[in-house]
Amino acid sequence: MNEDIDQTLFFSLQNIYVQEKRKHLPHYSLPTSKGVTTAFLKACRACQEHKCDPEEYIKAQFNYVGSQLYPNGVAGSSALGNWRRYRQDNKQAPSDSYRVQLQYLQNALQNTSLSVETVLLSDRYQFEPWFRCVITKEKITSIMSKYKEKARKELDADHSLKAYLTSLNLDVGRITS
């Protein structure tokens, strides 16, 4: 697999695609062809480049194409257009954003032998800066020095996110102080 590809993201896209497909075809399994792999590699690159959430990206394809979506439909300009339109039509609630970020962290930790700190510090993984800063029990200085300012801007721009994180008893003060 290409070194510039986030393998966790690649496999997440495939797994989410299969989960969505099984809502319509319960015994569906993803074909193992070069064309399917290429389509998901392109989808992965698009998600990395545009910082797409993998679940949101795949759901956008099914939302606009329907259950007839073939694997090659997850890549290309129309797929990216579907994601943009879906994102505009379905602004993600803070609880959904948090849930997706947490699931992505769990997948990354399960699929690698990396520590939590290493995963959160890596720009290969598409975590929001606010998530990187508040998800650990203890403040990690290296993460805070790298992401605190971006995280502060995110929380200043989205007061509902700040309120939601506070309701979870996450240490938002790490970012705001």
C-alpha atoms as a PDB file:
ATOM      1  CA  MET A   1       0.000   0.000   0.000  1.00  0.00           C
ATOM      2  CA  ASN A   2       1.230   3.535  -0.685  1.00  0.00           C
ATOM      3  CA  GLU A   3       3.144   5.129   2.161  1.00  0.00           C
ATOM      4  CA  ASP A   4       1.264   8.415   1.841  1.00  0.00           C
ATOM      5  CA  ILE A   5      -2.007   6.606   2.599  1.00  0.00           C
ATOM      6  CA  ASP A   6      -3.390   6.499   6.126  1.00  0.00           C
ATOM      7  CA  GLN A   7      -4.109   2.778   6.421  1.00  0.00           C
ATOM      8  CA  THR A   8      -6.552   3.283   9.286  1.00  0.00           C
ATOM      9  CA  LEU A   9      -8.531   5.717   7.161  1.00  0.00           C
ATOM     10  CA  PHE A  10      -8.366   3.371   4.151  1.00  0.00           C
ATOM     11  CA  PHE A  11      -9.759   0.403   6.093  1.00  0.00           C
ATOM     12  CA  SER A  12     -12.312   2.593   7.890  1.00  0.00           C
ATOM     13  CA  LEU A  13     -13.685   3.730   4.532  1.00  0.00           C
ATOM     14  CA  GLN A  14     -14.010   0.120   3.390  1.00  0.00           C
ATOM     15  CA  ASN A  15     -15.616  -1.032   6.642  1.00  0.00           C
ATOM     16  CA  ILE A  16     -18.111   1.839   6.675  1.00  0.00           C
ATOM     17  CA  TYR A  17     -18.967   1.160   3.016  1.00  0.00           C
ATOM     18  CA  VAL A  18     -19.684  -2.496   3.817  1.00  0.00           C
ATOM     19  CA  GLN A  19     -21.792  -1.551   6.872  1.00  0.00           C
ATOM     20  CA  GLU A  20     -23.871   0.843   4.773  1.00  0.00           C
ATOM     21  CA  LYS A  21     -24.216  -1.669   1.921  1.00  0.00           C
ATOM     22  CA  ARG A  22     -25.369  -4.370   4.363  1.00  0.00           C
ATOM     23  CA  LYS A  23     -28.325  -2.208   5.350  1.00  0.00           C
ATOM     24  CA  HIS A  24     -29.709  -3.120   1.925  1.00  0.00           C
ATOM     25  CA  LEU A  25     -27.884  -6.410   1.207  1.00  0.00           C
ATOM     26  CA  PRO A  26     -27.310  -8.192   4.559  1.00  0.00           C
ATOM     27  CA  HIS A  27     -24.695 -10.658   3.248  1.00  0.00           C
ATOM     28  CA  TYR A  28     -22.700  -8.201   1.141  1.00  0.00           C
ATOM     29  CA  SER A  29     -18.913  -8.544   1.042  1.00  0.00           C
ATOM     30  CA  LEU A  30     -16.562  -6.133  -0.664  1.00  0.00           C
ATOM     31  CA  PRO A  31     -15.044  -7.488  -3.901  1.00  0.00           C
ATOM     32  CA  THR A  32     -11.263  -7.925  -3.810  1.00  0.00           C
ATOM     33  CA  SER A  33     -10.259  -6.500  -7.153  1.00  0.00           C
ATOM     34  CA  LYS A  34      -7.622  -3.998  -8.207  1.00  0.00           C
ATOM     35  CA  GLY A  35     -10.377  -1.597  -9.306  1.00  0.00           C
ATOM     36  CA  VAL A  36     -12.028  -1.649  -5.868  1.00  0.00           C
ATOM     37  CA  THR A  37      -8.689  -1.112  -4.127  1.00  0.00           C
ATOM     38  CA  THR A  38      -7.890   1.781  -6.467  1.00  0.00           C
ATOM     39  CA  ALA A  39     -11.271   3.389  -5.806  1.00  0.00           C
ATOM     40  CA  PHE A  40     -10.774   3.243  -2.041  1.00  0.00           C
ATOM     41  CA  LEU A  41      -7.182   4.524  -2.354  1.00  0.00           C
ATOM     42  CA  LYS A  42      -8.536   7.529  -4.283  1.00  0.00           C
ATOM     43  CA  ALA A  43     -11.296   8.015  -1.706  1.00  0.00           C
ATOM     44  CA  CYS A  44      -8.694   7.853   1.058  1.00  0.00           C
ATOM     45  CA  ARG A  45      -6.536  10.478  -0.642  1.00  0.00           C
ATOM     46  CA  ALA A  46      -9.579  12.727  -1.073  1.00  0.00           C
ATOM     47  CA  CYS A  47     -10.476  12.323   2.602  1.00  0.00           C
ATOM     48  CA  GLN A  48      -6.926  13.094   3.654  1.00  0.00           C
ATOM     49  CA  GLU A  49      -6.652  16.128   1.384  1.00  0.00           C
ATOM     50  CA  HIS A  50     -10.036  17.595   2.307  1.00  0.00           C
ATOM     51  CA  LYS A  51     -10.054  16.371   5.924  1.00  0.00           C
ATOM     52  CA  CYS A  52     -13.250  14.390   5.397  1.00  0.00           C
ATOM     53  CA  ASP A  53     -14.654  12.281   8.172  1.00  0.00           C
ATOM     54  CA  PRO A  54     -14.771   8.740   6.681  1.00  0.00           C
ATOM     55  CA  GLU A  55     -18.255   7.944   7.976  1.00  0.00           C
ATOM     56  CA  GLU A  56     -19.642  11.228   6.721  1.00  0.00           C
ATOM     57  CA  TYR A  57     -17.917  10.743   3.357  1.00  0.00           C
ATOM     58  CA  ILE A  58     -19.360   7.260   2.760  1.00  0.00           C
ATOM     59  CA  LYS A  59     -22.813   8.181   4.070  1.00  0.00           C
ATOM     60  CA  ALA A  60     -22.844  11.093   1.634  1.00  0.00           C
ATOM     61  CA  GLN A  61     -22.312   8.691  -1.260  1.00  0.00           C
ATOM     62  CA  PHE A  62     -25.188   6.441  -0.190  1.00  0.00           C
ATOM     63  CA  ASN A  63     -27.375   9.455   0.524  1.00  0.00           C
ATOM     64  CA  TYR A  64     -27.058  10.837  -3.008  1.00  0.00           C
ATOM     65  CA  VAL A  65     -26.471   7.665  -5.050  1.00  0.00           C
ATOM     66  CA  GLY A  66     -28.580   5.226  -3.027  1.00  0.00           C
ATOM     67  CA  SER A  67     -28.172   1.543  -2.283  1.00  0.00           C
ATOM     68  CA  GLN A  68     -26.989   0.946  -5.857  1.00  0.00           C
ATOM     69  CA  LEU A  69     -23.652   2.609  -5.024  1.00  0.00           C
ATOM     70  CA  TYR A  70     -20.817   0.518  -6.436  1.00  0.00           C
ATOM     71  CA  PRO A  71     -17.361   0.635  -4.839  1.00  0.00           C
ATOM     72  CA  ASN A  72     -15.941   2.727  -7.693  1.00  0.00           C
ATOM     73  CA  GLY A  73     -18.556   5.370  -6.816  1.00  0.00           C
ATOM     74  CA  VAL A  74     -16.656   6.327  -3.664  1.00  0.00           C
ATOM     75  CA  ALA A  75     -13.951   8.106  -5.671  1.00  0.00           C
ATOM     76  CA  GLY A  76     -13.828  11.014  -8.081  1.00  0.00           C
ATOM     77  CA  SER A  77     -15.133  14.531  -8.349  1.00  0.00           C
ATOM     78  CA  SER A  78     -18.800  13.549  -8.056  1.00  0.00           C
ATOM     79  CA  ALA A  79     -18.065  11.670  -4.803  1.00  0.00           C
ATOM     80  CA  LEU A  80     -16.307  14.726  -3.410  1.00  0.00           C
ATOM     81  CA  GLY A  81     -19.230  16.872  -4.556  1.00  0.00           C
ATOM     82  CA  ASN A  82     -21.638  14.512  -2.780  1.00  0.00           C
ATOM     83  CA  TRP A  83     -19.630  14.891   0.432  1.00  0.00           C
ATOM     84  CA  ARG A  84     -19.601  18.693   0.183  1.00  0.00           C
ATOM     85  CA  ARG A  85     -23.343  18.829  -0.433  1.00  0.00           C
ATOM     86  CA  TYR A  86     -24.038  16.326   2.360  1.00  0.00           C
ATOM     87  CA  ARG A  87     -21.880  18.272   4.755  1.00  0.00           C
ATOM     88  CA  GLN A  88     -23.665  21.512   3.940  1.00  0.00           C
ATOM     89  CA  ASP A  89     -27.077  19.856   4.283  1.00  0.00           C
ATOM     90  CA  ASN A  90     -26.215  17.996   7.505  1.00  0.00           C
ATOM     91  CA  LYS A  91     -24.143  20.196   9.800  1.00  0.00           C
ATOM     92  CA  GLN A  92     -22.739  17.783  12.349  1.00  0.00           C
ATOM     93  CA  ALA A  93     -23.850  18.157  15.957  1.00  0.00           C
ATOM     94  CA  PRO A  94     -21.068  18.332  18.569  1.00  0.00           C
ATOM     95  CA  SER A  95     -22.102  14.943  19.977  1.00  0.00           C
ATOM     96  CA  ASP A  96     -21.752  13.348  16.526  1.00  0.00           C
ATOM     97  CA  SER A  97     -18.400  14.994  15.934  1.00  0.00           C
ATOM     98  CA  TYR A  98     -17.113  13.784  19.301  1.00  0.00           C
ATOM     99  CA  ARG A  99     -18.440  10.249  18.705  1.00  0.00           C
ATOM    100  CA  VAL A 100     -16.803  10.030  15.271  1.00  0.00           C
ATOM    101  CA  GLN A 101     -13.468  11.327  16.561  1.00  0.00           C
ATOM    102  CA  LEU A 102     -13.553   8.849  19.458  1.00  0.00           C
ATOM    103  CA  GLN A 103     -14.368   5.950  17.132  1.00  0.00           C
ATOM    104  CA  TYR A 104     -11.550   6.963  14.807  1.00  0.00           C
ATOM    105  CA  LEU A 105      -9.096   7.054  17.746  1.00  0.00           C
ATOM    106  CA  GLN A 106     -10.225   3.605  18.891  1.00  0.00           C
ATOM    107  CA  ASN A 107      -9.773   2.241  15.350  1.00  0.00           C
ATOM    108  CA  ALA A 108      -6.314   3.796  15.066  1.00  0.00           C
ATOM    109  CA  LEU A 109      -5.215   2.294  18.369  1.00  0.00           C
ATOM    110  CA  GLN A 110      -6.610  -1.147  17.477  1.00  0.00           C
ATOM    111  CA  ASN A 111      -4.947  -1.182  14.053  1.00  0.00           C
ATOM    112  CA  THR A 112      -1.511   0.033  15.132  1.00  0.00           C
ATOM    113  CA  SER A 113       0.916  -0.588  17.943  1.00  0.00           C
ATOM    114  CA  LEU A 114       1.266   3.150  18.549  1.00  0.00           C
ATOM    115  CA  SER A 115       0.639   4.918  21.847  1.00  0.00           C
ATOM    116  CA  VAL A 116      -2.269   7.318  22.326  1.00  0.00           C
ATOM    117  CA  GLU A 117       0.158  10.240  22.391  1.00  0.00           C
ATOM    118  CA  THR A 118       1.834   9.176  19.148  1.00  0.00           C
ATOM    119  CA  VAL A 119      -1.501   8.758  17.370  1.00  0.00           C
ATOM    120  CA  LEU A 120      -2.814  12.112  18.608  1.00  0.00           C
ATOM    121  CA  LEU A 121       0.401  13.892  17.606  1.00  0.00           C
ATOM    122  CA  SER A 122       0.455  12.422  14.119  1.00  0.00           C
ATOM    123  CA  ASP A 123      -0.978  14.546  11.337  1.00  0.00           C
ATOM    124  CA  ARG A 124      -1.669  11.333   9.397  1.00  0.00           C
ATOM    125  CA  TYR A 125      -4.802  10.934  11.495  1.00  0.00           C
ATOM    126  CA  GLN A 126      -7.668  13.323  10.831  1.00  0.00           C
ATOM    127  CA  PHE A 127      -8.475  14.421  14.392  1.00  0.00           C
ATOM    128  CA  GLU A 128      -9.764  17.874  15.160  1.00  0.00           C
ATOM    129  CA  PRO A 129      -7.348  19.946  17.272  1.00  0.00           C
ATOM    130  CA  TRP A 130      -9.910  20.299  20.097  1.00  0.00           C
ATOM    131  CA  PHE A 131     -10.246  16.502  20.289  1.00  0.00           C
ATOM    132  CA  ARG A 132      -6.483  15.986  20.450  1.00  0.00           C
ATOM    133  CA  CYS A 133      -6.291  18.411  23.373  1.00  0.00           C
ATOM    134  CA  VAL A 134      -9.141  17.165  25.587  1.00  0.00           C
ATOM    135  CA  ILE A 135      -9.443  13.410  25.061  1.00  0.00           C
ATOM    136  CA  THR A 136      -6.682  12.296  27.452  1.00  0.00           C
ATOM    137  CA  LYS A 137      -7.134  12.341  31.238  1.00  0.00           C
ATOM    138  CA  GLU A 138      -3.831  14.104  31.759  1.00  0.00           C
ATOM    139  CA  LYS A 139      -2.681  17.087  29.750  1.00  0.00           C
ATOM    140  CA  ILE A 140       0.059  16.086  27.299  1.00  0.00           C
ATOM    141  CA  THR A 141       2.425  19.002  26.803  1.00  0.00           C
ATOM    142  CA  SER A 142       3.559  18.014  23.302  1.00  0.00           C
ATOM    143  CA  ILE A 143      -0.036  17.839  22.059  1.00  0.00           C
ATOM    144  CA  MET A 144      -0.966  21.130  23.722  1.00  0.00           C
ATOM    145  CA  SER A 145       2.006  22.983  22.262  1.00  0.00           C
ATOM    146  CA  LYS A 146       1.176  21.727  18.763  1.00  0.00           C
ATOM    147  CA  TYR A 147      -2.654  22.062  18.736  1.00  0.00           C
ATOM    148  CA  LYS A 148      -3.805  24.390  21.525  1.00  0.00           C
ATOM    149  CA  GLU A 149      -4.118  27.574  19.431  1.00  0.00           C
ATOM    150  CA  LYS A 150      -6.080  25.868  16.663  1.00  0.00           C
ATOM    151  CA  ALA A 151      -8.276  24.189  19.262  1.00  0.00           C
ATOM    152  CA  ARG A 152      -8.938  27.527  20.969  1.00  0.00           C
ATOM    153  CA  LYS A 153     -10.057  29.040  17.657  1.00  0.00           C
ATOM    154  CA  GLU A 154     -12.398  26.100  17.069  1.00  0.00           C
ATOM    155  CA  LEU A 155     -14.007  26.446  20.493  1.00  0.00           C
ATOM    156  CA  ASP A 156     -14.301  30.227  20.132  1.00  0.00           C
ATOM    157  CA  ALA A 157     -16.105  29.710  16.810  1.00  0.00           C
ATOM    158  CA  ASP A 158     -18.457  26.989  18.094  1.00  0.00           C
ATOM    159  CA  HIS A 159     -19.925  27.656  21.533  1.00  0.00           C
ATOM    160  CA  SER A 160     -22.183  24.591  21.335  1.00  0.00           C
ATOM    161  CA  LEU A 161     -19.088  22.402  20.980  1.00  0.00           C
ATOM    162  CA  LYS A 162     -17.502  24.002  24.028  1.00  0.00           C
ATOM    163  CA  ALA A 163     -20.711  23.491  26.038  1.00  0.00           C
ATOM    164  CA  TYR A 164     -20.963  19.867  24.927  1.00  0.00           C
ATOM    165  CA  LEU A 165     -17.359  19.055  25.863  1.00  0.00           C
ATOM    166  CA  THR A 166     -17.878  20.728  29.240  1.00  0.00           C
ATOM    167  CA  SER A 167     -21.012  18.606  29.791  1.00  0.00           C
ATOM    168  CA  LEU A 168     -18.826  15.502  29.306  1.00  0.00           C
ATOM    169  CA  ASN A 169     -16.524  16.771  32.077  1.00  0.00           C
ATOM    170  CA  LEU A 170     -13.629  17.076  29.637  1.00  0.00           C
ATOM    171  CA  ASP A 171     -10.954  19.581  30.619  1.00  0.00           C
ATOM    172  CA  VAL A 172     -11.789  22.421  28.214  1.00  0.00           C
ATOM    173  CA  GLY A 173      -9.739  24.722  30.451  1.00  0.00           C
ATOM    174  CA  ARG A 174      -6.600  23.196  28.922  1.00  0.00           C
ATOM    175  CA  ILE A 175      -7.517  24.972  25.733  1.00  0.00           C
ATOM    176  CA  THR A 176      -9.122  28.170  26.992  1.00  0.00           C
ATOM    177  CA  SER A 177      -6.574  29.108  29.659  1.00  0.00           C
END
